């Protein structure tokens, strides 16, 4: 399963990637540190799942429910 991870804290991103990395059926195919980065990444990177922080500050796109709705539209 191809997975994209997103969080505004670099340590959390690294920790999630370290936890998912050894899983034989999971492949981290992208990392984002904002909702804008996540939505841009999902427009170009096919994946089956996104692991994301619910509330990331800043950016042009809303976070929370609106950010998840935007991400959901882009998952291929």
PDB file of N, CA and C in Angstrom:
ATOM      1  N   UNK A   1       0.849  -1.167   0.000  1.00  0.00           N
ATOM      2  CA  UNK A   1       0.000   0.000   0.000  1.00  0.00           C
ATOM      3  C   UNK A   1       0.899   1.236   0.000  1.00  0.00           C
ATOM      4  N   UNK A   2       0.615   2.161  -0.886  1.00  0.00           N
ATOM      5  CA  UNK A   2       1.352   3.413  -0.981  1.00  0.00           C
ATOM      6  C   UNK A   2       0.724   4.431  -0.021  1.00  0.00           C
ATOM      7  N   UNK A   3       1.575   5.038   0.829  1.00  0.00           N
ATOM      8  CA  UNK A   3       1.100   5.924   1.884  1.00  0.00           C
ATOM      9  C   UNK A   3       1.806   7.275   1.787  1.00  0.00           C
ATOM     10  N   UNK A   4       1.037   8.346   1.963  1.00  0.00           N
ATOM     11  CA  UNK A   4       1.583   9.696   2.096  1.00  0.00           C
ATOM     12  C   UNK A   4       1.382  10.115   3.547  1.00  0.00           C
ATOM     13  N   UNK A   5       2.408  10.745   4.135  1.00  0.00           N
ATOM     14  CA  UNK A   5       2.300  11.205   5.520  1.00  0.00           C
ATOM     15  C   UNK A   5       2.422  12.732   5.554  1.00  0.00           C
ATOM     16  N   UNK A   6       1.702  13.356   6.498  1.00  0.00           N
ATOM     17  CA  UNK A   6       1.721  14.815   6.605  1.00  0.00           C
ATOM     18  C   UNK A   6       1.605  15.245   8.065  1.00  0.00           C
ATOM     19  N   UNK A   7       2.503  16.138   8.466  1.00  0.00           N
ATOM     20  CA  UNK A   7       2.465  16.732   9.800  1.00  0.00           C
ATOM     21  C   UNK A   7       3.368  17.952   9.769  1.00  0.00           C
ATOM     22  N   UNK A   8       3.036  18.975  10.535  1.00  0.00           N
ATOM     23  CA  UNK A   8       3.849  20.184  10.553  1.00  0.00           C
ATOM     24  C   UNK A   8       5.039  20.086  11.507  1.00  0.00           C
ATOM     25  N   UNK A   9       5.186  18.970  12.194  1.00  0.00           N
ATOM     26  CA  UNK A   9       6.317  18.759  13.100  1.00  0.00           C
ATOM     27  C   UNK A   9       7.270  17.729  12.472  1.00  0.00           C
ATOM     28  N   UNK A  10       8.502  18.122  12.134  1.00  0.00           N
ATOM     29  CA  UNK A  10       9.448  17.206  11.489  1.00  0.00           C
ATOM     30  C   UNK A  10       9.711  15.931  12.284  1.00  0.00           C
ATOM     31  N   UNK A  11       9.721  16.036  13.612  1.00  0.00           N
ATOM     32  CA  UNK A  11       9.975  14.857  14.443  1.00  0.00           C
ATOM     33  C   UNK A  11       8.838  13.836  14.310  1.00  0.00           C
ATOM     34  N   UNK A  12       7.613  14.326  14.246  1.00  0.00           N
ATOM     35  CA  UNK A  12       6.467  13.431  14.080  1.00  0.00           C
ATOM     36  C   UNK A  12       6.525  12.761  12.713  1.00  0.00           C
ATOM     37  N   UNK A  13       6.839  13.534  11.664  1.00  0.00           N
ATOM     38  CA  UNK A  13       6.975  12.946  10.323  1.00  0.00           C
ATOM     39  C   UNK A  13       8.016  11.828  10.325  1.00  0.00           C
ATOM     40  N   UNK A  14       9.156  12.105  10.923  1.00  0.00           N
ATOM     41  CA  UNK A  14      10.226  11.106  10.974  1.00  0.00           C
ATOM     42  C   UNK A  14       9.785   9.872  11.756  1.00  0.00           C
ATOM     43  N   UNK A  15       9.082  10.086  12.870  1.00  0.00           N
ATOM     44  CA  UNK A  15       8.607   8.960  13.673  1.00  0.00           C
ATOM     45  C   UNK A  15       7.595   8.103  12.937  1.00  0.00           C
ATOM     46  N   UNK A  16       6.653   8.736  12.252  1.00  0.00           N
ATOM     47  CA  UNK A  16       5.656   7.972  11.490  1.00  0.00           C
ATOM     48  C   UNK A  16       6.333   7.185  10.384  1.00  0.00           C
ATOM     49  N   UNK A  17       7.256   7.833   9.692  1.00  0.00           N
ATOM     50  CA  UNK A  17       7.966   7.135   8.621  1.00  0.00           C
ATOM     51  C   UNK A  17       8.781   5.964   9.167  1.00  0.00           C
ATOM     52  N   UNK A  18       9.404   6.144  10.338  1.00  0.00           N
ATOM     53  CA  UNK A  18      10.172   5.063  10.954  1.00  0.00           C
ATOM     54  C   UNK A  18       9.276   3.895  11.356  1.00  0.00           C
ATOM     55  N   UNK A  19       8.060   4.198  11.809  1.00  0.00           N
ATOM     56  CA  UNK A  19       7.127   3.132  12.182  1.00  0.00           C
ATOM     57  C   UNK A  19       6.574   2.393  10.970  1.00  0.00           C
ATOM     58  N   UNK A  20       6.276   3.131   9.911  1.00  0.00           N
ATOM     59  CA  UNK A  20       5.679   2.511   8.732  1.00  0.00           C
ATOM     60  C   UNK A  20       6.712   1.860   7.816  1.00  0.00           C
ATOM     61  N   UNK A  21       7.929   2.394   7.818  1.00  0.00           N
ATOM     62  CA  UNK A  21       8.972   1.928   6.908  1.00  0.00           C
ATOM     63  C   UNK A  21       9.222   0.433   6.910  1.00  0.00           C
ATOM     64  N   UNK A  22       9.354  -0.202   8.067  1.00  0.00           N
ATOM     65  CA  UNK A  22       9.637  -1.638   8.090  1.00  0.00           C
ATOM     66  C   UNK A  22       8.448  -2.533   7.694  1.00  0.00           C
ATOM     67  N   UNK A  23       7.265  -1.986   7.656  1.00  0.00           N
ATOM     68  CA  UNK A  23       6.089  -2.809   7.317  1.00  0.00           C
ATOM     69  C   UNK A  23       6.217  -3.284   5.874  1.00  0.00           C
ATOM     70  N   UNK A  24       6.189  -4.594   5.660  1.00  0.00           N
ATOM     71  CA  UNK A  24       6.464  -5.136   4.324  1.00  0.00           C
ATOM     72  C   UNK A  24       5.449  -4.733   3.257  1.00  0.00           C
ATOM     73  N   UNK A  25       4.242  -4.411   3.629  1.00  0.00           N
ATOM     74  CA  UNK A  25       3.221  -4.082   2.627  1.00  0.00           C
ATOM     75  C   UNK A  25       2.951  -2.591   2.510  1.00  0.00           C
ATOM     76  N   UNK A  26       3.720  -1.775   3.226  1.00  0.00           N
ATOM     77  CA  UNK A  26       3.535  -0.321   3.183  1.00  0.00           C
ATOM     78  C   UNK A  26       4.760   0.340   2.579  1.00  0.00           C
ATOM     79  N   UNK A  27       4.513   1.375   1.793  1.00  0.00           N
ATOM     80  CA  UNK A  27       5.597   2.159   1.201  1.00  0.00           C
ATOM     81  C   UNK A  27       5.243   3.636   1.353  1.00  0.00           C
ATOM     82  N   UNK A  28       6.070   4.378   2.093  1.00  0.00           N
ATOM     83  CA  UNK A  28       5.860   5.820   2.222  1.00  0.00           C
ATOM     84  C   UNK A  28       6.350   6.452   0.926  1.00  0.00           C
ATOM     85  N   UNK A  29       5.410   7.052   0.174  1.00  0.00           N
ATOM     86  CA  UNK A  29       5.737   7.611  -1.141  1.00  0.00           C
ATOM     87  C   UNK A  29       5.805   9.133  -1.145  1.00  0.00           C
ATOM     88  N   UNK A  30       5.505   9.754   0.002  1.00  0.00           N
ATOM     89  CA  UNK A  30       5.585  11.204   0.073  1.00  0.00           C
ATOM     90  C   UNK A  30       5.399  11.722   1.473  1.00  0.00           C
ATOM     91  N   UNK A  31       5.974  12.920   1.712  1.00  0.00           N
ATOM     92  CA  UNK A  31       5.873  13.594   3.008  1.00  0.00           C
ATOM     93  C   UNK A  31       5.491  15.042   2.750  1.00  0.00           C
ATOM     94  N   UNK A  32       4.643  15.586   3.603  1.00  0.00           N
ATOM     95  CA  UNK A  32       4.234  16.987   3.495  1.00  0.00           C
ATOM     96  C   UNK A  32       4.221  17.604   4.889  1.00  0.00           C
ATOM     97  N   UNK A  33       4.510  18.919   4.955  1.00  0.00           N
ATOM     98  CA  UNK A  33       4.525  19.594   6.248  1.00  0.00           C
ATOM     99  C   UNK A  33       3.444  20.664   6.370  1.00  0.00           C
ATOM    100  N   UNK A  34       2.540  20.721   5.390  1.00  0.00           N
ATOM    101  CA  UNK A  34       1.414  21.652   5.454  1.00  0.00           C
ATOM    102  C   UNK A  34       0.272  21.099   4.607  1.00  0.00           C
ATOM    103  N   UNK A  35      -0.907  21.660   4.783  1.00  0.00           N
ATOM    104  CA  UNK A  35      -2.049  21.220   3.977  1.00  0.00           C
ATOM    105  C   UNK A  35      -1.795  21.535   2.507  1.00  0.00           C
ATOM    106  N   UNK A  36      -1.227  22.709   2.207  1.00  0.00           N
ATOM    107  CA  UNK A  36      -0.924  23.058   0.821  1.00  0.00           C
ATOM    108  C   UNK A  36       0.032  22.041   0.198  1.00  0.00           C
ATOM    109  N   UNK A  37       1.088  21.691   0.928  1.00  0.00           N
ATOM    110  CA  UNK A  37       2.037  20.695   0.427  1.00  0.00           C
ATOM    111  C   UNK A  37       1.355  19.346   0.225  1.00  0.00           C
ATOM    112  N   UNK A  38       0.510  18.957   1.159  1.00  0.00           N
ATOM    113  CA  UNK A  38      -0.195  17.679   1.057  1.00  0.00           C
ATOM    114  C   UNK A  38      -1.062  17.645  -0.190  1.00  0.00           C
ATOM    115  N   UNK A  39      -1.847  18.682  -0.417  1.00  0.00           N
ATOM    116  CA  UNK A  39      -2.741  18.696  -1.578  1.00  0.00           C
ATOM    117  C   UNK A  39      -1.956  18.710  -2.883  1.00  0.00           C
ATOM    118  N   UNK A  40      -0.854  19.446  -2.935  1.00  0.00           N
ATOM    119  CA  UNK A  40      -0.005  19.454  -4.130  1.00  0.00           C
ATOM    120  C   UNK A  40       0.610  18.078  -4.367  1.00  0.00           C
ATOM    121  N   UNK A  41       1.077  17.458  -3.307  1.00  0.00           N
ATOM    122  CA  UNK A  41       1.676  16.129  -3.410  1.00  0.00           C
ATOM    123  C   UNK A  41       0.669  15.101  -3.896  1.00  0.00           C
ATOM    124  N   UNK A  42      -0.540  15.161  -3.354  1.00  0.00           N
ATOM    125  CA  UNK A  42      -1.566  14.200  -3.757  1.00  0.00           C
ATOM    126  C   UNK A  42      -2.012  14.388  -5.199  1.00  0.00           C
ATOM    127  N   UNK A  43      -1.791  15.570  -5.751  1.00  0.00           N
ATOM    128  CA  UNK A  43      -2.136  15.819  -7.154  1.00  0.00           C
ATOM    129  C   UNK A  43      -1.163  15.139  -8.107  1.00  0.00           C
ATOM    130  N   UNK A  44       0.028  14.793  -7.592  1.00  0.00           N
ATOM    131  CA  UNK A  44       1.058  14.215  -8.465  1.00  0.00           C
ATOM    132  C   UNK A  44       1.525  12.824  -8.033  1.00  0.00           C
ATOM    133  N   UNK A  45       1.158  12.410  -6.841  1.00  0.00           N
ATOM    134  CA  UNK A  45       1.674  11.153  -6.285  1.00  0.00           C
ATOM    135  C   UNK A  45       0.533  10.210  -5.939  1.00  0.00           C
ATOM    136  N   UNK A  46       0.356   9.146  -6.709  1.00  0.00           N
ATOM    137  CA  UNK A  46      -0.714   8.196  -6.393  1.00  0.00           C
ATOM    138  C   UNK A  46      -0.456   7.495  -5.057  1.00  0.00           C
ATOM    139  N   UNK A  47      -1.518   7.319  -4.271  1.00  0.00           N
ATOM    140  CA  UNK A  47      -1.409   6.587  -3.014  1.00  0.00           C
ATOM    141  C   UNK A  47      -2.775   6.007  -2.663  1.00  0.00           C
ATOM    142  N   UNK A  48      -2.765   5.081  -1.728  1.00  0.00           N
ATOM    143  CA  UNK A  48      -4.000   4.474  -1.254  1.00  0.00           C
ATOM    144  C   UNK A  48      -4.408   4.979   0.124  1.00  0.00           C
ATOM    145  N   UNK A  49      -3.468   5.608   0.843  1.00  0.00           N
ATOM    146  CA  UNK A  49      -3.768   6.078   2.199  1.00  0.00           C
ATOM    147  C   UNK A  49      -2.953   7.317   2.529  1.00  0.00           C
ATOM    148  N   UNK A  50      -3.532   8.138   3.412  1.00  0.00           N
ATOM    149  CA  UNK A  50      -2.848   9.323   3.925  1.00  0.00           C
ATOM    150  C   UNK A  50      -2.915   9.269   5.449  1.00  0.00           C
ATOM    151  N   UNK A  51      -1.767   9.461   6.088  1.00  0.00           N
ATOM    152  CA  UNK A  51      -1.702   9.597   7.539  1.00  0.00           C
ATOM    153  C   UNK A  51      -1.352  11.062   7.772  1.00  0.00           C
ATOM    154  N   UNK A  52      -2.277  11.813   8.392  1.00  0.00           N
ATOM    155  CA  UNK A  52      -2.071  13.247   8.500  1.00  0.00           C
ATOM    156  C   UNK A  52      -2.484  13.814   9.848  1.00  0.00           C
ATOM    157  N   UNK A  53      -1.844  14.902  10.185  1.00  0.00           N
ATOM    158  CA  UNK A  53      -2.236  15.716  11.326  1.00  0.00           C
ATOM    159  C   UNK A  53      -3.560  16.388  10.951  1.00  0.00           C
ATOM    160  N   UNK A  54      -4.472  16.476  11.868  1.00  0.00           N
ATOM    161  CA  UNK A  54      -5.773  17.080  11.594  1.00  0.00           C
ATOM    162  C   UNK A  54      -5.692  18.599  11.556  1.00  0.00           C
ATOM    163  N   UNK A  55      -4.804  19.188  12.352  1.00  0.00           N
ATOM    164  CA  UNK A  55      -4.715  20.649  12.445  1.00  0.00           C
ATOM    165  C   UNK A  55      -3.291  21.105  12.190  1.00  0.00           C
ATOM    166  N   UNK A  56      -3.047  21.603  10.980  1.00  0.00           N
ATOM    167  CA  UNK A  56      -1.736  22.153  10.632  1.00  0.00           C
ATOM    168  C   UNK A  56      -1.909  23.638  10.340  1.00  0.00           C
ATOM    169  N   UNK A  57      -1.079  24.486  10.927  1.00  0.00           N
ATOM    170  CA  UNK A  57      -1.251  25.929  10.746  1.00  0.00           C
ATOM    171  C   UNK A  57      -0.811  26.406   9.370  1.00  0.00           C
ATOM    172  N   UNK A  58      -1.301  27.597   9.013  1.00  0.00           N
ATOM    173  CA  UNK A  58      -0.868  28.279   7.803  1.00  0.00           C
ATOM    174  C   UNK A  58      -1.392  27.657   6.529  1.00  0.00           C
ATOM    175  N   UNK A  59      -0.981  28.235   5.427  1.00  0.00           N
ATOM    176  CA  UNK A  59      -1.351  27.718   4.122  1.00  0.00           C
ATOM    177  C   UNK A  59      -2.597  28.368   3.559  1.00  0.00           C
ATOM    178  N   UNK A  60      -2.772  28.235   2.253  1.00  0.00           N
ATOM    179  CA  UNK A  60      -3.934  28.786   1.571  1.00  0.00           C
ATOM    180  C   UNK A  60      -5.161  27.923   1.766  1.00  0.00           C
ATOM    181  N   UNK A  61      -4.963  26.644   1.919  1.00  0.00           N
ATOM    182  CA  UNK A  61      -6.076  25.713   2.060  1.00  0.00           C
ATOM    183  C   UNK A  61      -6.379  25.487   3.532  1.00  0.00           C
ATOM    184  N   UNK A  62      -7.626  25.298   3.826  1.00  0.00           N
ATOM    185  CA  UNK A  62      -8.048  25.061   5.211  1.00  0.00           C
ATOM    186  C   UNK A  62      -7.560  23.698   5.686  1.00  0.00           C
ATOM    187  N   UNK A  63      -7.355  23.601   6.995  1.00  0.00           N
ATOM    188  CA  UNK A  63      -7.015  22.298   7.556  1.00  0.00           C
ATOM    189  C   UNK A  63      -8.272  21.690   8.161  1.00  0.00           C
ATOM    190  N   UNK A  64      -8.115  20.660   8.953  1.00  0.00           N
ATOM    191  CA  UNK A  64      -9.274  20.018   9.571  1.00  0.00           C
ATOM    192  C   UNK A  64     -10.156  19.334   8.545  1.00  0.00           C
ATOM    193  N   UNK A  65     -11.448  19.457   8.698  1.00  0.00           N
ATOM    194  CA  UNK A  65     -12.402  18.776   7.817  1.00  0.00           C
ATOM    195  C   UNK A  65     -12.247  19.199   6.363  1.00  0.00           C
ATOM    196  N   UNK A  66     -12.056  20.498   6.114  1.00  0.00           N
ATOM    197  CA  UNK A  66     -11.916  20.979   4.738  1.00  0.00           C
ATOM    198  C   UNK A  66     -10.637  20.427   4.097  1.00  0.00           C
ATOM    199  N   UNK A  67      -9.560  20.388   4.858  1.00  0.00           N
ATOM    200  CA  UNK A  67      -8.308  19.826   4.342  1.00  0.00           C
ATOM    201  C   UNK A  67      -8.439  18.353   4.023  1.00  0.00           C
ATOM    202  N   UNK A  68      -9.116  17.619   4.893  1.00  0.00           N
ATOM    203  CA  UNK A  68      -9.331  16.191   4.635  1.00  0.00           C
ATOM    204  C   UNK A  68     -10.212  15.973   3.413  1.00  0.00           C
ATOM    205  N   UNK A  69     -11.213  16.819   3.232  1.00  0.00           N
ATOM    206  CA  UNK A  69     -12.082  16.708   2.049  1.00  0.00           C
ATOM    207  C   UNK A  69     -11.267  16.944   0.781  1.00  0.00           C
ATOM    208  N   UNK A  70     -10.389  17.928   0.802  1.00  0.00           N
ATOM    209  CA  UNK A  70      -9.532  18.191  -0.352  1.00  0.00           C
ATOM    210  C   UNK A  70      -8.580  17.040  -0.614  1.00  0.00           C
ATOM    211  N   UNK A  71      -8.029  16.467   0.435  1.00  0.00           N
ATOM    212  CA  UNK A  71      -7.133  15.322   0.284  1.00  0.00           C
ATOM    213  C   UNK A  71      -7.877  14.117  -0.276  1.00  0.00           C
ATOM    214  N   UNK A  72      -9.062  13.890   0.221  1.00  0.00           N
ATOM    215  CA  UNK A  72      -9.844  12.741  -0.222  1.00  0.00           C
ATOM    216  C   UNK A  72     -10.142  12.798  -1.721  1.00  0.00           C
ATOM    217  N   UNK A  73     -10.373  13.988  -2.241  1.00  0.00           N
ATOM    218  CA  UNK A  73     -10.647  14.149  -3.671  1.00  0.00           C
ATOM    219  C   UNK A  73      -9.432  13.832  -4.521  1.00  0.00           C
ATOM    220  N   UNK A  74      -8.238  13.941  -3.948  1.00  0.00           N
ATOM    221  CA  UNK A  74      -7.014  13.759  -4.718  1.00  0.00           C
ATOM    222  C   UNK A  74      -6.402  12.368  -4.608  1.00  0.00           C
ATOM    223  N   UNK A  75      -6.838  11.554  -3.672  1.00  0.00           N
ATOM    224  CA  UNK A  75      -6.272  10.214  -3.518  1.00  0.00           C
ATOM    225  C   UNK A  75      -6.695   9.369  -4.707  1.00  0.00           C
ATOM    226  N   UNK A  76      -5.715   8.730  -5.325  1.00  0.00           N
ATOM    227  CA  UNK A  76      -5.973   7.911  -6.519  1.00  0.00           C
ATOM    228  C   UNK A  76      -5.892   6.448  -6.167  1.00  0.00           C
TER     229      UNK A  76
END
